[in-house]
């Protein structure tokens, strides 16, 4: 790794003397990025067709929890920008979460390979490039792909997010929320999809019709639609994403022994054909963090920076309740020390209420091949502060690895718009080899905790064993049975504790407070206990 502490600061005499020779307008822009505190180095200013290495473009570390946007057309270098930012955050002790859609980000753990392009870019932007790898953990959604499995319980996921995945309309979403409330109140734990299907099936059965009437606003027809959607969802192979052990999002806040932040890479290439599912799971991770983290206020550096790739998928066909929950989460999670970057092709992909909260902007090139492209380009230009650049011309003429940047200064004010040639990442720009990736996953201390799936007794088993009873309360009592009372529970608990997944299971069980689960944003379950971290 380069010795970042020895690099000249933006306000040092060396930099000031060199910058004095810049054109007047370029000097004015460069002075807007001369921050005295810790920074991330993005690149060098582009002005009048030239790259000016004496005019460095930076972002204050303390402002990374003010959220941001990385946008641009396919092939313009967004992935490398994520890698560049993630490396520098890790180096300064900040954990990072990256969603790896194409499998290109797994190389962040391995040192990069110098070549003519890397060396040329480093010379252009005055970068002291040194091949460096960074501490990383690799995850896979539901265990599909190479990585530590990330699962959620249906209870933890909540009705709003699940309704988004199932593509339910507003009425059906509200009805699903009532079904969750019913299951919560009756002590029927919803661990996996078959649990939820069992509860809905019961409510639409002859035995459960009287119970359905107590769930205000849920008609038999709507319950039937939910049941069919669940059955189709399971048929698509979605069952593996829900269950236990449920992933503890506190794992994303870890630092390595040397103090660098751990980069958590969630591999999504194996499920990229299910965009509704993985984009909503990303939002669940963020909502879960929001529920559990304490307030911090303004901090010197973020607790975590979270990159939401393919962000437009979150907002496609989203209900009003879903959009309101995203907006509220983004607005409030900043005070908990978490920065969120939305990664997408155009700022138009992000609703205005969310876009207004994204103070740090890295806009790669846009195309204007069609009237719709031109409209999107015009809209993008209007989202930037006034500048001396002809932004329409600049944005269509940027090369790969170049972007238009504006960030928040340490006082919270927007910096001048700066066309920027970005630095080269120092880690491997490409996928880690399959064998190396599998070794990294197998060596992880988290693998044993999350790899084995567990299917304990929950709503499905209780309802199956309680068939013929008069109601869910009697069903629950029948399912417990006289032989499964206190005499058996200690030995079962001992087996769970010894299994190595006790902590994860305890989190799921601990979500119930009495017989009613407390729900918050997105209808996700709020845990009753504090995190270990």
Protein backbone atom coordinates (compact mmCIF):
# COMPACT_ATOMS: atom_id res chain seq x y z
CA UNK A 1 0.00 0.00 0.00
CA UNK A 2 1.18 3.58 -0.59
CA UNK A 3 2.08 5.59 2.45
CA UNK A 4 -0.92 7.88 2.34
CA UNK A 5 0.21 9.83 5.40
CA UNK A 6 3.21 11.19 3.47
CA UNK A 7 1.18 12.47 0.55
CA UNK A 8 1.09 16.31 0.40
CA UNK A 9 -2.15 17.80 1.69
CA UNK A 10 -4.36 20.01 -0.44
CA UNK A 11 -3.30 23.09 1.50
CA UNK A 12 0.47 22.37 1.63
CA UNK A 13 2.91 24.95 0.18
CA UNK A 14 3.96 22.43 -2.48
CA UNK A 15 0.45 22.02 -3.80
CA UNK A 16 -0.37 25.72 -3.51
CA UNK A 17 2.70 26.74 -5.47
CA UNK A 18 2.04 24.25 -8.23
CA UNK A 19 -1.64 25.14 -8.42
CA UNK A 20 -0.89 28.85 -8.77
CA UNK A 21 0.16 28.23 -12.37
CA UNK A 22 -3.29 26.89 -13.32
CA UNK A 23 -5.71 28.83 -15.53
CA UNK A 24 -7.80 31.17 -13.38
CA UNK A 25 -11.09 29.27 -13.75
CA UNK A 26 -9.38 25.91 -13.15
CA UNK A 27 -7.70 27.38 -10.07
CA UNK A 28 -11.07 28.49 -8.73
CA UNK A 29 -12.49 24.99 -9.18
CA UNK A 30 -9.40 23.33 -7.64
CA UNK A 31 -9.57 25.59 -4.60
CA UNK A 32 -13.05 24.21 -3.93
CA UNK A 33 -11.49 20.79 -3.32
CA UNK A 34 -8.66 21.92 -1.00
CA UNK A 35 -9.94 20.32 2.20
CA UNK A 36 -7.77 20.35 5.35
CA UNK A 37 -9.05 17.08 6.87
CA UNK A 38 -8.92 13.42 5.78
CA UNK A 39 -10.05 12.95 2.18
CA UNK A 40 -10.58 10.41 -0.55
CA UNK A 41 -8.66 11.19 -3.74
CA UNK A 42 -10.82 10.88 -6.85
CA UNK A 43 -8.55 12.22 -9.59
CA UNK A 44 -7.34 15.31 -11.42
CA UNK A 45 -9.25 18.15 -13.06
CA UNK A 46 -10.01 18.14 -16.77
CA UNK A 47 -10.02 21.64 -18.25
CA UNK A 48 -10.02 22.81 -21.84
CA UNK A 49 -9.23 19.32 -23.11
CA UNK A 50 -6.27 18.80 -20.76
CA UNK A 51 -5.77 16.85 -17.54
CA UNK A 52 -4.25 19.09 -14.85
CA UNK A 53 -2.48 16.89 -12.25
CA UNK A 54 -1.86 19.92 -10.01
CA UNK A 55 -5.62 20.37 -9.59
CA UNK A 56 -6.70 17.42 -7.46
CA UNK A 57 -10.37 16.50 -6.95
CA UNK A 58 -11.17 15.06 -3.54
CA UNK A 59 -14.10 14.31 -1.24
CA UNK A 60 -13.94 14.84 2.55
CA UNK A 61 -14.10 11.57 4.46
CA UNK A 62 -16.52 13.09 6.99
CA UNK A 63 -19.02 13.82 4.18
CA UNK A 64 -19.29 10.22 2.96
CA UNK A 65 -22.30 9.65 5.22
CA UNK A 66 -24.15 12.40 3.31
CA UNK A 67 -24.93 9.85 0.60
CA UNK A 68 -24.12 9.96 -3.08
CA UNK A 69 -24.82 8.91 -6.64
CA UNK A 70 -22.54 7.16 -9.13
CA UNK A 71 -24.19 7.24 -12.53
CA UNK A 72 -23.36 6.77 -16.19
CA UNK A 73 -23.99 4.68 -19.26
CA UNK A 74 -22.88 1.05 -19.47
CA UNK A 75 -19.13 0.73 -20.01
CA UNK A 76 -18.16 4.18 -18.75
CA UNK A 77 -16.28 2.96 -15.65
CA UNK A 78 -18.82 3.02 -12.80
CA UNK A 79 -17.54 -0.30 -11.39
CA UNK A 80 -13.96 0.96 -11.23
CA UNK A 81 -15.17 4.11 -9.49
CA UNK A 82 -16.84 1.97 -6.81
CA UNK A 83 -13.62 0.00 -6.43
CA UNK A 84 -11.53 3.18 -6.14
CA UNK A 85 -13.76 4.66 -3.45
CA UNK A 86 -14.07 1.35 -1.57
CA UNK A 87 -10.28 0.90 -1.44
CA UNK A 88 -9.70 4.31 0.09
CA UNK A 89 -12.51 3.91 2.59
CA UNK A 90 -11.06 0.57 3.69
CA UNK A 91 -7.59 2.09 3.99
CA UNK A 92 -9.00 4.73 6.37
CA UNK A 93 -10.75 2.16 8.56
CA UNK A 94 -14.27 2.42 7.12
CA UNK A 95 -16.12 -0.84 6.29
CA UNK A 96 -17.77 -0.98 2.86
CA UNK A 97 -20.62 -2.99 1.37
CA UNK A 98 -20.55 -3.66 -2.39
CA UNK A 99 -23.17 -5.46 -4.45
CA UNK A 100 -21.26 -7.27 -7.21
CA UNK A 101 -23.71 -7.68 -10.09
CA UNK A 102 -21.23 -8.86 -12.72
CA UNK A 103 -18.62 -10.56 -10.52
CA UNK A 104 -16.00 -7.89 -11.33
CA UNK A 105 -15.44 -6.61 -7.79
CA UNK A 106 -14.18 -9.79 -6.16
CA UNK A 107 -10.62 -8.83 -7.14
CA UNK A 108 -10.53 -6.11 -4.49
CA UNK A 109 -8.80 -8.55 -2.11
CA UNK A 110 -5.86 -9.09 -4.49
CA UNK A 111 -3.13 -6.62 -5.53
CA UNK A 112 -3.61 -5.03 -8.94
CA UNK A 113 -1.42 -5.73 -11.95
CA UNK A 114 0.59 -2.83 -13.32
CA UNK A 115 0.40 -2.32 -17.06
CA UNK A 116 0.80 0.53 -19.54
CA UNK A 117 -2.78 1.77 -19.06
CA UNK A 118 -2.52 1.83 -15.27
CA UNK A 119 0.87 3.52 -15.34
CA UNK A 120 -0.35 6.06 -17.88
CA UNK A 121 -3.43 6.89 -15.84
CA UNK A 122 -1.35 7.24 -12.65
CA UNK A 123 1.04 9.63 -14.41
CA UNK A 124 -1.86 11.68 -15.81
CA UNK A 125 -3.43 12.29 -12.40
CA UNK A 126 -0.27 12.43 -10.24
CA UNK A 127 -1.12 9.19 -8.45
CA UNK A 128 1.47 7.22 -6.50
CA UNK A 129 0.06 3.86 -7.58
CA UNK A 130 1.05 0.77 -5.59
CA UNK A 131 -0.50 -2.68 -6.10
CA UNK A 132 -2.58 -3.39 -2.98
CA UNK A 133 -5.21 -5.87 -1.83
CA UNK A 134 -7.82 -5.09 0.80
CA UNK A 135 -9.55 -7.24 3.47
CA UNK A 136 -12.74 -8.69 2.01
CA UNK A 137 -15.59 -11.04 2.87
CA UNK A 138 -17.60 -12.72 0.12
CA UNK A 139 -21.31 -13.38 0.40
CA UNK A 140 -23.91 -15.02 -1.83
CA UNK A 141 -27.65 -14.39 -1.70
CA UNK A 142 -29.31 -17.52 -0.34
CA UNK A 143 -26.07 -19.43 -0.88
CA UNK A 144 -26.57 -19.36 -4.67
CA UNK A 145 -23.10 -18.67 -5.97
CA UNK A 146 -19.73 -18.64 -4.26
CA UNK A 147 -19.92 -16.95 -0.90
CA UNK A 148 -21.21 -17.09 2.66
CA UNK A 149 -25.00 -17.50 2.44
CA UNK A 150 -27.10 -14.43 3.21
CA UNK A 151 -30.64 -15.36 4.25
CA UNK A 152 -33.53 -13.49 5.84
CA UNK A 153 -36.47 -14.87 7.74
CA UNK A 154 -39.86 -13.96 6.31
CA UNK A 155 -40.65 -12.22 9.61
CA UNK A 156 -37.43 -10.21 9.42
CA UNK A 157 -37.99 -9.32 5.77
CA UNK A 158 -41.42 -7.90 6.46
CA UNK A 159 -44.57 -7.43 4.37
CA UNK A 160 -43.64 -4.24 2.47
CA UNK A 161 -40.43 -5.65 1.00
CA UNK A 162 -42.04 -9.02 0.35
CA UNK A 163 -44.95 -7.36 -1.43
CA UNK A 164 -42.39 -5.63 -3.70
CA UNK A 165 -40.78 -8.96 -4.55
CA UNK A 166 -44.16 -10.63 -5.15
CA UNK A 167 -45.28 -7.64 -7.26
CA UNK A 168 -48.47 -7.15 -5.27
CA UNK A 169 -50.60 -4.06 -5.74
CA UNK A 170 -51.33 -1.58 -2.96
CA UNK A 171 -54.45 -3.38 -1.72
CA UNK A 172 -52.71 -6.76 -1.74
CA UNK A 173 -49.69 -5.24 0.05
CA UNK A 174 -51.94 -3.95 2.84
CA UNK A 175 -53.61 -7.34 3.09
CA UNK A 176 -50.25 -9.08 3.35
CA UNK A 177 -49.33 -6.75 6.21
CA UNK A 178 -52.50 -7.84 8.01
CA UNK A 179 -51.59 -11.50 7.49
CA UNK A 180 -48.19 -10.79 9.09
CA UNK A 181 -49.95 -9.07 11.99
CA UNK A 182 -52.22 -12.08 12.42
CA UNK A 183 -49.26 -14.50 12.47
CA UNK A 184 -47.41 -12.27 14.94
CA UNK A 185 -50.36 -12.07 17.30
CA UNK A 186 -50.95 -15.84 17.22
CA UNK A 187 -47.31 -16.73 17.82
CA UNK A 188 -46.96 -18.38 14.39
CA UNK A 189 -43.33 -17.73 13.45
CA UNK A 190 -42.73 -16.98 9.78
CA UNK A 191 -39.24 -18.31 9.14
CA UNK A 192 -39.39 -19.40 5.50
CA UNK A 193 -41.84 -19.14 2.61
CA UNK A 194 -43.63 -22.36 3.45
CA UNK A 195 -44.53 -20.87 6.83
CA UNK A 196 -46.23 -17.90 5.21
CA UNK A 197 -47.90 -20.11 2.63
CA UNK A 198 -49.20 -22.35 5.44
CA UNK A 199 -50.72 -19.40 7.28
CA UNK A 200 -52.40 -18.00 4.14
CA UNK A 201 -53.61 -21.51 3.19
CA UNK A 202 -55.11 -21.93 6.65
CA UNK A 203 -56.89 -18.58 6.43
CA UNK A 204 -58.44 -19.55 3.09
CA UNK A 205 -59.44 -23.04 4.25
CA UNK A 206 -62.76 -24.12 5.73
CA UNK A 207 -61.09 -24.29 9.15
CA UNK A 208 -59.68 -20.78 8.88
CA UNK A 209 -62.57 -18.86 7.30
CA UNK A 210 -63.77 -17.66 10.68
CA UNK A 211 -60.24 -16.50 11.51
CA UNK A 212 -60.01 -14.62 8.19
CA UNK A 213 -62.95 -12.52 9.25
CA UNK A 214 -60.95 -11.32 12.26
CA UNK A 215 -58.17 -10.05 9.96
CA UNK A 216 -59.87 -6.82 8.97
CA UNK A 217 -59.71 -5.87 5.32
CA UNK A 218 -58.44 -9.19 3.95
CA UNK A 219 -60.89 -10.76 1.54
CA UNK A 220 -60.79 -14.41 0.56
CA UNK A 221 -60.08 -13.36 -3.05
CA UNK A 222 -57.08 -11.21 -2.04
CA UNK A 223 -55.74 -13.97 0.21
CA UNK A 224 -56.02 -16.31 -2.77
CA UNK A 225 -54.00 -13.92 -4.95
CA UNK A 226 -51.28 -13.74 -2.28
CA UNK A 227 -51.23 -17.53 -2.03
CA UNK A 228 -50.86 -17.95 -5.80
CA UNK A 229 -48.08 -15.36 -5.90
CA UNK A 230 -46.24 -17.17 -3.11
CA UNK A 231 -46.61 -20.53 -4.86
CA UNK A 232 -45.26 -19.09 -8.13
CA UNK A 233 -42.41 -17.39 -6.26
CA UNK A 234 -41.40 -20.68 -4.65
CA UNK A 235 -41.59 -22.42 -8.02
CA UNK A 236 -38.96 -19.95 -9.29
CA UNK A 237 -36.52 -21.29 -6.69
CA UNK A 238 -36.83 -18.41 -4.23
CA UNK A 239 -37.19 -20.61 -1.15
CA UNK A 240 -33.44 -20.68 -0.51
CA UNK A 241 -33.30 -16.95 0.15
CA UNK A 242 -35.56 -17.17 3.20
CA UNK A 243 -34.77 -19.13 6.34
CA UNK A 244 -32.24 -19.51 9.09
CA UNK A 245 -29.62 -18.76 10.18
CA UNK A 246 -30.68 -15.20 9.36
CA UNK A 247 -27.78 -12.94 8.42
CA UNK A 248 -26.68 -10.47 11.10
CA UNK A 249 -26.07 -7.19 9.26
CA UNK A 250 -23.70 -6.23 12.09
CA UNK A 251 -21.16 -8.40 10.25
CA UNK A 252 -20.90 -5.59 7.68
CA UNK A 253 -19.39 -3.24 10.29
CA UNK A 254 -16.19 -5.20 10.87
CA UNK A 255 -12.61 -4.01 10.60
CA UNK A 256 -9.53 -6.15 10.03
CA UNK A 257 -6.78 -6.68 12.61
CA UNK A 258 -4.67 -3.98 10.95
CA UNK A 259 -7.48 -1.45 11.35
CA UNK A 260 -8.60 -1.36 7.73
CA UNK A 261 -12.30 -1.63 7.01
CA UNK A 262 -13.57 -4.98 5.72
CA UNK A 263 -15.07 -4.79 2.22
CA UNK A 264 -18.17 -6.99 2.12
CA UNK A 265 -18.80 -8.16 -1.44
CA UNK A 266 -22.23 -9.67 -2.14
CA UNK A 267 -22.02 -11.74 -5.32
CA UNK A 268 -25.18 -11.35 -7.37
CA UNK A 269 -24.05 -12.65 -10.75
CA UNK A 270 -25.71 -16.02 -10.05
CA UNK A 271 -29.08 -14.30 -9.42
CA UNK A 272 -28.86 -11.36 -11.81
CA UNK A 273 -31.86 -12.77 -13.68
CA UNK A 274 -33.97 -12.03 -10.57
CA UNK A 275 -33.49 -8.28 -10.24
CA UNK A 276 -36.63 -7.64 -8.19
CA UNK A 277 -35.42 -10.13 -5.61
CA UNK A 278 -31.82 -9.02 -5.20
CA UNK A 279 -32.54 -5.28 -5.31
CA UNK A 280 -35.16 -5.69 -2.58
CA UNK A 281 -32.78 -7.83 -0.51
CA UNK A 282 -30.24 -5.01 -0.66
CA UNK A 283 -32.86 -2.68 0.76
CA UNK A 284 -33.59 -5.21 3.52
CA UNK A 285 -29.92 -5.16 4.55
CA UNK A 286 -30.02 -1.38 4.75
CA UNK A 287 -33.33 -1.30 6.63
CA UNK A 288 -32.05 -3.90 9.10
CA UNK A 289 -28.98 -1.77 9.80
CA UNK A 290 -31.19 1.26 10.28
CA UNK A 291 -33.30 -0.52 12.89
CA UNK A 292 -30.39 -1.65 15.02
CA UNK A 293 -27.73 1.06 14.89
CA UNK A 294 -27.69 3.80 17.54
CA UNK A 295 -27.72 7.49 16.69
CA UNK A 296 -24.27 9.04 16.26
CA UNK A 297 -24.91 12.50 14.83
CA UNK A 298 -22.03 14.07 12.89
CA UNK A 299 -18.95 11.85 12.81
CA UNK A 300 -15.35 12.22 11.63
CA UNK A 301 -15.78 9.25 9.35
CA UNK A 302 -18.68 6.96 8.43
CA UNK A 303 -19.39 3.76 10.29
CA UNK A 304 -20.20 2.08 6.95
CA UNK A 305 -20.60 3.09 3.32
CA UNK A 306 -23.21 1.05 1.46
CA UNK A 307 -23.32 0.90 -2.36
CA UNK A 308 -26.72 0.02 -3.88
CA UNK A 309 -25.97 -1.11 -7.44
CA UNK A 310 -28.62 -1.26 -10.18
CA UNK A 311 -30.59 1.17 -8.03
CA UNK A 312 -33.27 1.77 -10.67
CA UNK A 313 -34.57 -1.75 -9.98
CA UNK A 314 -35.61 -0.65 -6.49
CA UNK A 315 -37.95 1.97 -7.88
CA UNK A 316 -39.48 0.12 -10.84
CA UNK A 317 -43.19 -0.46 -10.15
CA UNK A 318 -42.65 0.46 -6.49
CA UNK A 319 -45.67 1.21 -4.32
CA UNK A 320 -46.08 4.57 -2.61
CA UNK A 321 -45.44 2.92 0.77
CA UNK A 322 -42.21 1.38 -0.51
CA UNK A 323 -40.93 4.69 -1.90
CA UNK A 324 -41.82 6.50 1.32
CA UNK A 325 -39.90 3.90 3.33
CA UNK A 326 -36.81 4.21 1.12
CA UNK A 327 -36.89 8.00 1.37
CA UNK A 328 -37.25 7.90 5.15
CA UNK A 329 -34.49 5.31 5.55
CA UNK A 330 -32.04 7.32 3.45
CA UNK A 331 -32.92 10.53 5.25
CA UNK A 332 -32.48 9.11 8.75
CA UNK A 333 -29.66 6.59 8.43
CA UNK A 334 -27.09 9.36 7.89
CA UNK A 335 -27.30 10.25 11.59
CA UNK A 336 -26.37 6.63 12.38
CA UNK A 337 -23.08 6.99 10.54
CA UNK A 338 -24.05 5.10 7.37
CA UNK A 339 -23.52 6.56 3.92
CA UNK A 340 -25.53 5.22 0.98
CA UNK A 341 -24.46 5.50 -2.67
CA UNK A 342 -26.99 4.71 -5.37
CA UNK A 343 -25.40 3.32 -8.52
CA UNK A 344 -27.39 3.52 -11.75
CA UNK A 345 -27.28 4.79 -15.32
CA UNK A 346 -29.12 8.09 -14.99
CA UNK A 347 -30.14 10.39 -12.12
CA UNK A 348 -33.65 10.13 -13.57
CA UNK A 349 -33.71 6.54 -12.28
CA UNK A 350 -33.86 7.85 -8.70
CA UNK A 351 -37.01 9.59 -7.36
CA UNK A 352 -36.61 13.31 -6.72
CA UNK A 353 -37.12 12.99 -2.94
CA UNK A 354 -34.22 10.51 -2.76
CA UNK A 355 -32.03 12.32 -5.29
CA UNK A 356 -32.29 15.51 -3.25
CA UNK A 357 -30.47 13.75 -0.39
CA UNK A 358 -27.48 12.62 -2.49
CA UNK A 359 -24.89 15.33 -1.93
CA UNK A 360 -21.90 13.56 -3.53
CA UNK A 361 -22.16 13.04 -7.28
CA UNK A 362 -19.90 11.17 -9.71
CA UNK A 363 -21.52 11.31 -13.13
CA UNK A 364 -19.87 9.28 -15.88
CA UNK A 365 -20.62 9.72 -19.57
CA UNK A 366 -24.15 9.68 -20.93
CA UNK A 367 -25.25 8.85 -24.45
CA UNK A 368 -27.61 10.94 -26.57
CA UNK A 369 -28.45 8.59 -29.43
CA UNK A 370 -32.25 8.89 -29.15
CA UNK A 371 -34.77 11.59 -28.17
CA UNK A 372 -35.24 9.83 -24.81
CA UNK A 373 -31.46 9.89 -24.29
CA UNK A 374 -31.41 13.61 -25.03
CA UNK A 375 -34.23 14.22 -22.58
CA UNK A 376 -32.37 12.29 -19.86
CA UNK A 377 -29.19 14.24 -20.63
CA UNK A 378 -30.99 17.57 -20.30
CA UNK A 379 -32.53 16.46 -17.00
CA UNK A 380 -29.13 15.37 -15.67
CA UNK A 381 -27.53 18.72 -16.50
CA UNK A 382 -30.23 20.51 -14.50
CA UNK A 383 -29.36 18.52 -11.37
CA UNK A 384 -25.84 20.04 -11.21
CA UNK A 385 -24.89 23.45 -9.80
CA UNK A 386 -24.12 26.19 -12.33
CA UNK A 387 -20.64 25.83 -13.79
CA UNK A 388 -18.40 27.23 -16.53
CA UNK A 389 -18.60 23.89 -18.36
CA UNK A 390 -20.98 23.16 -21.20
CA UNK A 391 -22.19 20.08 -19.34
CA UNK A 392 -24.19 18.64 -22.25
CA UNK A 393 -21.05 18.62 -24.34
CA UNK A 394 -18.82 17.40 -21.50
CA UNK A 395 -21.11 14.56 -20.42
CA UNK A 396 -21.36 13.14 -23.94
CA UNK A 397 -17.62 13.49 -24.54
CA UNK A 398 -16.18 11.93 -21.38
CA UNK A 399 -13.95 8.89 -21.86
CA UNK A 400 -13.95 5.69 -19.82
CA UNK A 401 -12.77 6.46 -16.30
CA UNK A 402 -13.72 10.12 -16.52
CA UNK A 403 -16.63 11.78 -14.75
CA UNK A 404 -18.21 15.06 -13.75
CA UNK A 405 -17.93 15.47 -9.97
CA UNK A 406 -19.49 17.64 -7.30
CA UNK A 407 -19.35 16.76 -3.60
CA UNK A 408 -20.17 18.36 -0.27
CA UNK A 409 -17.45 20.41 1.38
CA UNK A 410 -16.69 19.97 5.07
CA UNK A 411 -19.16 22.82 5.69
CA UNK A 412 -21.88 20.95 3.80
CA UNK A 413 -21.89 23.23 0.74
CA UNK A 414 -21.64 21.86 -2.84
CA UNK A 415 -18.22 22.10 -4.42
CA UNK A 416 -17.74 23.54 -7.93
CA UNK A 417 -18.52 21.13 -10.74
CA UNK A 418 -15.28 19.43 -11.84
CA UNK A 419 -14.76 17.31 -14.92
CA UNK A 420 -12.33 14.72 -13.58
CA UNK A 421 -9.99 12.02 -14.84
CA UNK A 422 -10.30 9.40 -12.12
CA UNK A 423 -7.49 7.50 -10.46
CA UNK A 424 -6.85 3.83 -11.12
CA UNK A 425 -7.82 1.28 -8.44
CA UNK A 426 -4.85 -0.38 -6.76
CA UNK A 427 -6.47 -3.79 -6.36
CA UNK A 428 -7.16 -6.32 -9.08
CA UNK A 429 -9.54 -4.84 -11.66
CA UNK A 430 -11.43 -8.02 -12.45
CA UNK A 431 -12.73 -11.16 -10.78
CA UNK A 432 -10.69 -13.11 -8.27
CA UNK A 433 -9.89 -16.61 -9.52
CA UNK A 434 -12.42 -19.28 -8.59
CA UNK A 435 -10.00 -21.28 -6.44
CA UNK A 436 -8.81 -18.19 -4.56
CA UNK A 437 -12.40 -17.10 -3.97
CA UNK A 438 -13.43 -20.51 -2.66
CA UNK A 439 -10.41 -20.56 -0.31
CA UNK A 440 -11.31 -17.12 1.02
CA UNK A 441 -14.90 -18.19 1.70
CA UNK A 442 -13.90 -21.48 3.36
CA UNK A 443 -11.37 -19.74 5.62
CA UNK A 444 -13.84 -17.13 6.80
CA UNK A 445 -14.88 -17.43 10.48
CA UNK A 446 -18.42 -16.63 9.32
CA UNK A 447 -18.72 -19.65 7.05
CA UNK A 448 -19.51 -22.18 9.78
CA UNK A 449 -22.02 -19.79 11.32
CA UNK A 450 -24.10 -19.20 8.19
CA UNK A 451 -23.43 -22.01 5.71
CA UNK A 452 -25.60 -24.82 7.20
CA UNK A 453 -29.30 -24.11 6.71
CA UNK A 454 -31.52 -24.81 9.72
CA UNK A 455 -35.22 -25.67 9.56
CA UNK A 456 -36.66 -25.55 13.06
CA UNK A 457 -40.31 -25.82 14.05
CA UNK A 458 -42.29 -22.76 13.01
CA UNK A 459 -45.72 -21.86 11.56
CA UNK A 460 -45.77 -24.59 8.91
CA UNK A 461 -44.98 -27.43 11.32
CA UNK A 462 -47.36 -26.13 13.97
CA UNK A 463 -50.26 -25.79 11.56
CA UNK A 464 -49.57 -29.18 9.99
CA UNK A 465 -49.50 -30.92 13.37
CA UNK A 466 -52.50 -29.00 14.61
CA UNK A 467 -54.89 -29.89 11.78
CA UNK A 468 -58.34 -30.65 13.07
CA UNK A 469 -58.06 -28.32 16.05
CA UNK A 470 -60.66 -25.57 16.30
CA UNK A 471 -58.39 -22.59 15.90
CA UNK A 472 -54.76 -21.40 15.72
CA UNK A 473 -54.47 -21.05 19.50
CA UNK A 474 -55.48 -24.69 19.92
CA UNK A 475 -53.32 -25.60 16.92
CA UNK A 476 -50.32 -24.07 18.61
CA UNK A 477 -51.06 -25.95 21.83
CA UNK A 478 -51.53 -29.19 19.89
CA UNK A 479 -48.30 -28.62 17.99
CA UNK A 480 -46.37 -28.11 21.19
CA UNK A 481 -47.82 -31.31 22.64
CA UNK A 482 -47.38 -32.60 26.14
CA UNK A 483 -44.22 -34.43 25.20
CA UNK A 484 -42.51 -31.24 23.94
CA UNK A 485 -42.76 -29.17 27.08
CA UNK A 486 -40.03 -28.33 29.55
CA UNK A 487 -38.64 -31.86 29.77
CA UNK A 488 -37.40 -31.84 26.14
CA UNK A 489 -36.45 -28.20 25.77
CA UNK A 490 -33.09 -28.26 27.63
CA UNK A 491 -31.67 -31.07 25.51
CA UNK A 492 -32.83 -29.38 22.30
CA UNK A 493 -31.30 -26.09 23.42
CA UNK A 494 -28.05 -27.85 24.24
CA UNK A 495 -27.92 -29.33 20.76
CA UNK A 496 -28.51 -25.92 19.17
CA UNK A 497 -25.84 -24.23 21.29
CA UNK A 498 -23.32 -26.89 20.34
CA UNK A 499 -24.18 -26.59 16.63
CA UNK A 500 -22.31 -23.30 16.23
CA UNK A 501 -25.33 -21.44 14.85
CA UNK A 502 -26.89 -20.65 18.22
CA UNK A 503 -26.21 -16.91 17.93
CA UNK A 504 -28.01 -16.60 14.62
CA UNK A 505 -30.99 -18.68 15.76
CA UNK A 506 -31.23 -16.74 19.00
CA UNK A 507 -31.54 -13.53 17.01
CA UNK A 508 -34.54 -14.90 15.13
CA UNK A 509 -36.24 -16.25 18.24
CA UNK A 510 -35.51 -13.03 20.11
CA UNK A 511 -37.46 -11.00 17.60
CA UNK A 512 -40.69 -11.93 19.32
CA UNK A 513 -41.57 -9.74 22.27
CA UNK A 514 -44.21 -11.77 24.07
CA UNK A 515 -46.45 -12.91 21.23
CA UNK A 516 -46.43 -9.67 19.22
CA UNK A 517 -43.52 -8.62 16.98
CA UNK A 518 -42.66 -4.93 16.85
CA UNK A 519 -42.36 -3.75 13.27
CA UNK A 520 -40.82 -0.58 11.88
CA UNK A 521 -39.89 0.80 8.45
CA UNK A 522 -40.80 -1.56 5.61
CA UNK A 523 -42.71 -3.65 8.17
CA UNK A 524 -39.47 -5.42 9.05
CA UNK A 525 -39.16 -6.90 12.53
CA UNK A 526 -37.26 -4.89 15.10
CA UNK A 527 -34.96 -7.04 17.20
CA UNK A 528 -35.43 -7.03 20.94
CA UNK A 529 -31.73 -7.23 21.80
CA UNK A 530 -28.70 -5.05 21.12
CA UNK A 531 -25.96 -6.07 18.70
CA UNK A 532 -22.74 -7.49 19.95
CA UNK A 533 -20.81 -4.78 18.11
